[in-house]
C-alpha cells in the first residue's frame, strides 16, 4: 500500500532524543507513513543507531550528508519523499498520539489546504513543560476551546507577526513544497518561515489548538545566531510586504523591532533594547511589548 505521509527528520548529534522522537511516529494510528531521516554528519553514535533502525524497520529510509546543515538535509529528504503529504519532525521533538491522522483527515476533506500546523508545548531538558506556543502569542486569535482544524485568516500577516508555526507541527502538500523550491539555502536563518509564507500563497492554511507536539528548549538554544535571523527576517519582510494592509504592515514592523530589542537585550545593551522595544510598542501597543519596555527601562535605570 502506498504511503500517505512522508515524515522528514534531519538529525545532527541527537542520539539521546531519537528513540522518543521515532517512537512518537509509531504511535500514530490509521496513517501509512514512511520515515526519511537525513543524518548531517553526526559524531555521537547516531549513525549506528539509525543504520540499525533502518535495517529492522521497513518504513525507515536513511540518508547521510557531511555537515551541510538542516536546510540541505530537509531539501534532500523532500526529493526522496514518495507521499502526497510531508510532515516535519526535528530529532529532539516528538508528537502526541494520532497527530498525523487528525491532520491528514482535514487535508483530505479540504484539498485546497496546502499547509496545516498545530499548537505545541515548549519543554526543557528536565522534561518539564514551559508554555504552549499559542499561549506565548496571545495576540494570535485562535479558537482555544475547539481543537478541530480551522482555516487561518490572513496567514501571511499572522505568520510574520507571530512565531506560531512550529516546524515539527507542520504537514504540507509535497507538490507545494516542490513548487516553491523547498527551503531557501541563500537565507542565513528563518528558512522555515520563508518556506511557509511561500506555500501560503498557493492555497489555504489551517491550524488546530490541539497541543500535538513537544518542542525541546535546550539550555543553549537561545540562538547565538540572532544577527543571522535578524538579517533573514528583514529579507523575508521585504519579500512579503506587498499585498498586506497598512495595519498589518505596522504589526510586521513592530515584530521586527521586537526582534532587534531581544538581540540587544541579550547583549546587555539596554539602551538600544529600550529604543527598539519602545518602537515596537508604539507600532503595536501589545502588553508583551509594554513589558519589554518596562524591563529594559528598569535595567537601564539600575545600571546608571
Protein backbone atom coordinates (compact mmCIF):
# COMPACT_ATOMS: atom_id res chain seq x y z
CA UNK A 1 0.00 0.00 0.00
CA UNK A 2 1.36 3.45 -0.91
CA UNK A 3 2.30 5.80 1.88
CA UNK A 4 0.13 8.79 2.71
CA UNK A 5 2.67 10.87 4.65
CA UNK A 6 6.45 11.17 4.38
CA UNK A 7 7.91 12.07 7.79
CA UNK A 8 11.15 14.03 7.38
CA UNK A 9 13.70 14.06 10.20
CA UNK A 10 17.03 15.92 9.96
CA UNK A 11 19.49 14.72 12.60
CA UNK A 12 22.74 16.04 13.97
CA UNK A 13 24.04 14.61 17.26
CA UNK A 14 20.59 13.92 18.72
CA UNK A 15 21.18 10.31 19.72
CA UNK A 16 19.72 10.70 23.21
CA UNK A 17 16.45 12.08 21.78
CA UNK A 18 15.99 9.84 18.75
CA UNK A 19 14.20 6.95 20.44
CA UNK A 20 11.49 9.21 21.86
CA UNK A 21 11.16 11.00 18.54
CA UNK A 22 10.86 7.80 16.48
CA UNK A 23 8.52 6.10 18.97
CA UNK A 24 6.13 9.05 18.72
CA UNK A 25 5.81 8.37 14.98
CA UNK A 26 4.97 4.71 15.54
CA UNK A 27 2.23 5.79 17.97
CA UNK A 28 0.36 7.35 15.05
CA UNK A 29 -2.68 5.29 14.07
CA UNK A 30 -4.57 4.91 10.78
CA UNK A 31 -1.84 6.52 8.66
CA UNK A 32 0.52 4.83 6.23
CA UNK A 33 3.82 6.62 6.56
CA UNK A 34 7.45 6.44 5.58
CA UNK A 35 10.24 7.95 7.68
CA UNK A 36 13.03 9.72 5.82
CA UNK A 37 16.00 10.54 8.05
CA UNK A 38 18.97 12.60 6.88
CA UNK A 39 21.96 12.48 9.19
CA UNK A 40 24.14 15.56 8.87
CA UNK A 41 27.49 14.07 9.87
CA UNK A 42 26.71 13.15 13.49
CA UNK A 43 29.61 12.20 15.77
CA UNK A 44 27.65 10.97 18.81
CA UNK A 45 26.83 7.45 17.61
CA UNK A 46 23.57 8.50 15.93
CA UNK A 47 24.53 6.89 12.65
CA UNK A 48 24.94 3.43 14.23
CA UNK A 49 21.51 3.71 15.87
CA UNK A 50 19.91 4.92 12.65
CA UNK A 51 21.51 2.25 10.49
CA UNK A 52 20.17 -0.45 12.79
CA UNK A 53 16.77 1.25 12.80
CA UNK A 54 16.66 1.26 9.01
CA UNK A 55 17.62 -2.43 8.90
CA UNK A 56 14.83 -3.51 11.21
CA UNK A 57 12.05 -1.12 10.13
CA UNK A 58 10.87 -1.13 6.52
CA UNK A 59 9.33 2.33 6.90
CA UNK A 60 12.71 3.95 7.62
CA UNK A 61 14.94 5.27 4.85
CA UNK A 62 18.29 6.72 5.90
CA UNK A 63 20.45 9.19 4.01
CA UNK A 64 23.68 10.84 5.08
CA UNK A 65 25.49 14.06 4.29
CA UNK A 66 28.61 15.71 5.66
CA UNK A 67 27.72 18.85 7.66
CA UNK A 68 25.69 20.67 5.04
CA UNK A 69 23.13 21.90 7.54
CA UNK A 70 19.44 21.43 8.26
CA UNK A 71 18.27 23.22 5.09
CA UNK A 72 20.21 20.85 2.84
CA UNK A 73 19.02 17.88 4.93
CA UNK A 74 15.35 18.81 4.58
CA UNK A 75 15.69 19.59 0.88
CA UNK A 76 17.38 16.24 0.25
CA UNK A 77 14.59 14.43 2.10
CA UNK A 78 11.92 16.27 0.08
CA UNK A 79 13.44 14.96 -3.17
CA UNK A 80 13.21 11.41 -1.77
CA UNK A 81 9.63 11.65 -0.46
CA UNK A 82 7.02 9.43 -2.12
CA UNK A 83 3.85 10.59 -0.36
CA UNK A 84 1.31 13.25 -1.24
CA UNK A 85 1.90 14.91 2.13
CA UNK A 86 5.05 15.70 4.09
CA UNK A 87 5.29 16.13 7.84
CA UNK A 88 8.41 17.54 9.52
CA UNK A 89 9.77 16.34 12.85
CA UNK A 90 13.07 17.50 14.32
CA UNK A 91 15.08 14.78 16.02
CA UNK A 92 14.76 16.29 19.52
CA UNK A 93 11.00 16.86 19.30
CA UNK A 94 8.11 14.40 19.50
CA UNK A 95 4.42 14.12 18.61
CA UNK A 96 1.32 13.27 20.58
CA UNK A 97 -0.70 10.22 19.62
CA UNK A 98 -2.83 10.44 16.44
CA UNK A 99 -1.45 13.84 15.44
CA UNK A 100 -0.95 12.71 11.84
CA UNK A 101 -4.37 11.09 11.49
CA UNK A 102 -6.25 14.23 12.53
CA UNK A 103 -4.13 16.42 10.30
CA UNK A 104 -4.38 14.12 7.31
CA UNK A 105 -8.15 13.83 7.70
CA UNK A 106 -8.51 17.60 7.45
CA UNK A 107 -6.29 17.80 4.37
CA UNK A 108 -8.25 15.00 2.72
CA UNK A 109 -11.55 16.80 3.35
CA UNK A 110 -10.07 20.16 2.29
CA UNK A 111 -7.84 19.55 -0.73
CA UNK A 112 -7.37 23.30 -1.19
CA UNK A 113 -5.44 23.35 2.09
CA UNK A 114 -1.71 23.28 1.31
CA UNK A 115 -0.34 23.59 4.85
CA UNK A 116 -1.54 22.93 8.38
CA UNK A 117 0.01 23.22 11.83
CA UNK A 118 -0.92 22.68 15.47
CA UNK A 119 -0.18 24.26 18.81
CA UNK A 120 2.78 22.78 20.67
CA UNK A 121 4.37 22.72 24.10
CA UNK A 122 7.84 24.01 24.87
CA UNK A 123 9.65 21.74 27.33
CA UNK A 124 13.12 21.73 28.87
CA UNK A 125 15.81 19.08 29.25
CA UNK A 126 14.31 18.04 32.60
CA UNK A 127 11.16 17.12 30.64
CA UNK A 128 9.24 19.95 32.32
CA UNK A 129 6.55 21.77 30.34
CA UNK A 130 7.17 25.51 29.99
CA UNK A 131 4.44 27.16 27.90
CA UNK A 132 2.46 26.36 24.80
CA UNK A 133 3.18 28.31 21.63
CA UNK A 134 -0.30 29.81 21.31
CA UNK A 135 -0.27 30.88 24.96
CA UNK A 136 3.02 32.70 24.36
CA UNK A 137 1.39 34.57 21.46
CA UNK A 138 -1.99 35.60 22.93
CA UNK A 139 -2.49 38.12 20.11
CA UNK A 140 -2.89 35.11 17.80
CA UNK A 141 -6.66 34.88 17.67
CA UNK A 142 -7.02 31.11 17.83
CA UNK A 143 -10.05 29.16 18.96
CA UNK A 144 -8.56 27.75 22.16
CA UNK A 145 -11.60 25.74 23.22
CA UNK A 146 -12.03 23.95 19.90
CA UNK A 147 -9.18 21.68 18.87
CA UNK A 148 -10.57 20.94 15.42
CA UNK A 149 -8.69 22.37 12.44
CA UNK A 150 -9.74 25.81 11.19
CA UNK A 151 -8.68 27.85 8.20
CA UNK A 152 -6.29 30.66 9.13
CA UNK A 153 -7.32 34.18 8.15
CA UNK A 154 -4.60 36.49 6.81
CA UNK A 155 -1.91 33.78 7.04
CA UNK A 156 0.92 35.96 5.67
CA UNK A 157 0.43 38.66 8.30
CA UNK A 158 -0.29 36.18 11.10
CA UNK A 159 2.81 34.10 10.43
CA UNK A 160 5.18 37.07 10.18
CA UNK A 161 3.91 38.97 13.20
CA UNK A 162 3.76 35.92 15.47
CA UNK A 163 6.06 32.91 15.59
CA UNK A 164 3.15 30.46 15.68
CA UNK A 165 4.25 27.81 13.20
CA UNK A 166 6.46 25.16 14.77
CA UNK A 167 8.25 23.21 12.05
CA UNK A 168 7.66 19.90 13.82
CA UNK A 169 3.90 20.57 13.82
CA UNK A 170 3.62 21.17 10.07
CA UNK A 171 2.01 18.99 7.43
CA UNK A 172 2.24 20.25 3.85
CA UNK A 173 1.43 19.10 0.34
CA UNK A 174 4.60 17.75 -1.25
CA UNK A 175 3.64 19.30 -4.59
CA UNK A 176 3.51 22.72 -2.95
CA UNK A 177 6.94 22.20 -1.39
CA UNK A 178 8.38 21.30 -4.76
CA UNK A 179 6.68 24.24 -6.49
CA UNK A 180 8.32 26.75 -4.12
CA UNK A 181 11.71 25.06 -4.39
CA UNK A 182 11.84 23.75 -0.83
CA UNK A 183 13.82 25.71 1.75
CA UNK A 184 15.92 28.66 0.57
CA UNK A 185 19.60 27.90 1.23
CA UNK A 186 20.50 31.54 0.50
CA UNK A 187 18.83 32.74 3.69
CA UNK A 188 21.04 32.80 6.78
CA UNK A 189 18.15 31.80 9.08
CA UNK A 190 14.35 31.55 9.35
CA UNK A 191 14.20 29.35 6.24
CA UNK A 192 11.17 27.54 7.65
CA UNK A 193 9.13 30.76 7.98
CA UNK A 194 10.13 31.81 4.47
CA UNK A 195 9.00 28.44 3.10
CA UNK A 196 5.64 28.52 4.90
CA UNK A 197 4.94 32.02 3.59
CA UNK A 198 5.65 30.99 0.01
CA UNK A 199 3.43 27.94 0.36
CA UNK A 200 0.64 30.03 1.93
CA UNK A 201 0.39 31.95 -1.34
CA UNK A 202 -0.58 28.71 -3.11
CA UNK A 203 -3.65 27.79 -1.11
CA UNK A 204 -5.33 27.68 2.28
CA UNK A 205 -3.54 27.34 5.61
CA UNK A 206 -5.16 25.63 8.60
CA UNK A 207 -4.36 25.37 12.29
CA UNK A 208 -5.50 23.50 15.36
CA UNK A 209 -5.26 24.49 19.02
CA UNK A 210 -4.52 20.85 19.80
CA UNK A 211 -1.13 20.71 21.53
CA UNK A 212 0.11 17.89 19.33
CA UNK A 213 3.88 18.34 19.55
CA UNK A 214 6.56 18.86 22.18
CA UNK A 215 9.42 21.18 21.27
CA UNK A 216 12.67 20.91 23.21
CA UNK A 217 14.16 24.15 24.51
CA UNK A 218 17.79 23.24 25.10
CA UNK A 219 19.88 25.28 27.52
CA UNK A 220 21.96 26.58 24.60
CA UNK A 221 19.05 27.04 22.19
CA UNK A 222 18.74 30.78 22.85
CA UNK A 223 20.20 31.41 19.47
CA UNK A 224 23.80 32.54 19.15
CA UNK A 225 22.93 33.44 15.57
CA UNK A 226 20.47 36.19 16.36
CA UNK A 227 22.13 38.53 13.86
CA UNK A 228 21.65 35.98 11.10
CA UNK A 229 17.99 35.62 12.00
CA UNK A 230 17.51 39.39 12.02
CA UNK A 231 19.07 39.69 8.57
CA UNK A 232 16.83 36.89 7.33
CA UNK A 233 13.73 38.50 8.85
CA UNK A 234 14.49 41.78 7.08
CA UNK A 235 14.70 39.91 3.76
CA UNK A 236 11.56 37.87 4.45
CA UNK A 237 9.60 41.01 5.30
CA UNK A 238 10.87 42.66 2.11
CA UNK A 239 9.59 39.68 0.13
CA UNK A 240 6.15 39.75 1.78
CA UNK A 241 5.35 43.40 2.45
CA UNK A 242 3.20 43.82 -0.63
CA UNK A 243 -0.46 42.90 -0.53
CA UNK A 244 -0.84 43.48 3.22
CA UNK A 245 -2.81 46.33 4.77
CA UNK A 246 -1.17 49.32 6.46
CA UNK A 247 -2.30 47.97 9.83
CA UNK A 248 -0.75 44.58 9.14
CA UNK A 249 2.46 46.22 7.92
CA UNK A 250 2.71 48.14 11.22
CA UNK A 251 2.44 44.84 13.11
CA UNK A 252 5.13 43.34 10.90
CA UNK A 253 7.45 46.27 11.56
CA UNK A 254 6.66 46.00 15.28
CA UNK A 255 7.65 42.34 15.23
CA UNK A 256 10.98 43.20 13.60
CA UNK A 257 11.61 45.91 16.20
CA UNK A 258 10.79 43.37 18.91
CA UNK A 259 13.38 41.01 17.43
CA UNK A 260 16.02 43.74 17.47
CA UNK A 261 15.10 44.51 21.07
CA UNK A 262 15.63 40.85 22.00
CA UNK A 263 19.03 40.91 20.30
CA UNK A 264 20.32 43.97 22.17
CA UNK A 265 18.75 42.73 25.41
CA UNK A 266 20.80 39.54 25.17
CA UNK A 267 23.91 41.65 24.61
CA UNK A 268 23.12 43.70 27.73
CA UNK A 269 22.72 46.88 25.68
CA UNK A 270 19.52 48.04 27.36
CA UNK A 271 19.68 51.49 25.83
CA UNK A 272 19.28 50.13 22.30
CA UNK A 273 16.92 47.42 23.53
CA UNK A 274 14.67 50.11 25.03
CA UNK A 275 14.74 52.08 21.80
CA UNK A 276 13.50 49.09 19.82
CA UNK A 277 11.02 47.84 22.41
CA UNK A 278 9.57 51.35 22.63
CA UNK A 279 9.25 51.47 18.84
CA UNK A 280 7.58 48.04 18.85
CA UNK A 281 5.09 49.20 21.48
CA UNK A 282 4.08 52.34 19.59
CA UNK A 283 3.69 50.43 16.36
CA UNK A 284 1.72 47.68 18.09
CA UNK A 285 0.67 48.54 21.68
CA UNK A 286 0.53 44.99 22.95
CA UNK A 287 1.10 44.05 26.59
CA UNK A 288 4.14 41.92 25.74
CA UNK A 289 5.82 44.89 24.06
CA UNK A 290 4.92 47.08 27.05
CA UNK A 291 6.53 44.53 29.40
CA UNK A 292 9.69 44.71 27.30
CA UNK A 293 9.71 48.50 27.62
CA UNK A 294 9.41 48.27 31.41
CA UNK A 295 12.06 45.53 31.62
CA UNK A 296 14.58 47.49 29.54
CA UNK A 297 13.87 50.71 31.40
CA UNK A 298 14.32 49.01 34.78
CA UNK A 299 17.70 47.55 33.78
CA UNK A 300 18.81 50.78 32.15
CA UNK A 301 18.00 52.82 35.28
CA UNK A 302 19.51 50.16 37.52
CA UNK A 303 22.79 50.36 35.64
CA UNK A 304 23.01 54.16 35.89
